[in-house]
Protein backbone atom coordinates (compact mmCIF):
# COMPACT_ATOMS: atom_id res chain seq x y z
CA MET A 1 -24.78 55.41 5.52
CA SER A 2 -21.40 56.88 4.81
CA ASP A 3 -22.17 60.06 7.16
CA LEU A 4 -22.37 58.57 10.32
CA PRO A 5 -19.93 59.34 12.99
CA PRO A 6 -17.93 56.74 13.31
CA ASP A 7 -17.91 56.85 17.43
CA LEU A 8 -21.62 56.18 17.78
CA THR A 9 -22.07 53.61 20.42
CA TRP A 10 -24.72 50.79 19.52
CA GLU A 11 -27.49 49.55 22.34
CA ARG A 12 -29.35 46.39 21.82
CA ALA A 13 -33.07 46.33 22.18
CA ALA A 14 -33.09 43.20 23.53
CA PRO A 15 -34.43 40.74 26.63
CA PRO A 16 -31.49 40.42 28.85
CA ASP A 17 -32.20 36.99 28.47
CA ALA A 18 -31.85 36.74 24.55
CA THR A 19 -29.53 34.53 22.88
CA GLY A 20 -28.81 34.85 18.76
CA PRO A 21 -28.05 37.09 16.29
CA GLY A 22 -31.77 38.34 16.06
CA PRO A 23 -32.58 40.53 14.50
CA TRP A 24 -32.63 42.96 17.01
CA ILE A 25 -33.34 46.90 16.90
CA GLU A 26 -30.50 49.08 17.83
CA ILE A 27 -30.64 52.40 19.02
CA ALA A 28 -27.44 55.07 18.98
CA PHE A 29 -27.40 58.50 20.28
CA GLY A 30 -25.72 61.32 18.75
CA GLU A 31 -24.03 64.55 20.04
CA GLY A 32 -25.59 67.18 21.87
CA ASP A 33 -28.66 67.17 24.59
CA ASP A 34 -31.05 69.11 23.34
CA GLY A 35 -34.31 67.96 21.19
CA GLU A 36 -32.66 68.41 17.65
CA ALA A 37 -29.85 65.94 18.58
CA PRO A 38 -29.58 62.65 16.30
CA VAL A 39 -30.81 59.40 17.35
CA TYR A 40 -29.74 56.66 14.77
CA ILE A 41 -31.77 53.33 14.59
CA ARG A 42 -31.13 50.07 12.58
CA GLU A 43 -31.92 46.23 12.64
CA THR A 44 -28.78 44.06 13.05
CA SER A 45 -29.61 41.59 9.96
CA ASP A 46 -29.26 44.89 7.78
CA PRO A 47 -26.71 47.73 9.90
CA ALA A 48 -25.48 49.64 6.59
CA ASN A 49 -29.46 50.86 6.75
CA VAL A 50 -30.17 53.42 9.15
CA VAL A 51 -32.61 55.54 10.04
CA THR A 52 -31.99 59.13 11.84
CA THR A 53 -34.55 60.66 13.71
CA ASN A 54 -34.24 63.42 16.64
CA ARG A 55 -34.35 62.91 20.39
CA ARG A 56 -37.96 64.79 20.79
CA LYS A 57 -39.02 62.75 18.56
CA TRP A 58 -37.54 59.57 20.00
CA ASP A 59 -38.69 60.70 23.79
CA ALA A 60 -42.19 60.95 22.44
CA PHE A 61 -42.37 57.28 20.42
CA VAL A 62 -40.77 55.85 23.84
CA LEU A 63 -43.52 57.71 26.23
CA GLY A 64 -46.09 56.74 23.34
CA VAL A 65 -45.00 52.73 23.92
CA GLN A 66 -44.78 53.09 27.54
CA ALA A 67 -48.58 54.15 27.57
CA GLY A 68 -49.28 50.92 25.09
CA GLU A 69 -50.40 53.65 22.15
CA PHE A 70 -48.86 50.88 20.10
CA ASP A 71 -49.82 47.56 21.38
CA HIS A 72 -52.70 47.28 18.19
CA PHE A 73 -49.07 46.48 16.16
CA VAL A 74 -48.87 43.39 18.29
CA GLU A 75 -50.32 40.25 16.58
CA GLY A 76 -51.89 37.53 19.51
CA VAL A 77 -50.79 40.10 22.81
CA ASP A 78 -54.15 40.54 24.73
CA ASP A 79 -54.65 42.46 27.77
CA ALA A 80 -53.60 39.74 30.26
CA THR A 81 -50.22 39.23 29.35
CA ALA A 82 -49.28 42.82 27.98
CA PRO A 83 -46.96 45.12 31.10
CA GLU A 84 -48.90 47.33 32.97
CA THR A 85 -49.11 51.05 32.02
CA GLY A 86 -49.93 54.25 33.77
CA PRO A 87 -49.18 55.60 37.39
CA HIS A 88 -48.84 52.44 39.19
CA ALA A 89 -47.12 50.49 36.61
């Protein structure tokens, strides 16, 4: 994607003790601090393939992940190993 800002800082979403090349998801935040500011997402195994969304949608996605709304997509994860969610987590 040639229209990416050249000065993006990519943050890798990997466990702190992760080793190896992944593949991992990386996120970069574009300029701006409003809901329409761009957010870029890519996978380390294919860094040229970048998906773009905005901060409002990214924040809603993160809140959904924290609330467990996407847990059913992960096979083999049961309630005993899933992180706690809710106001006391």
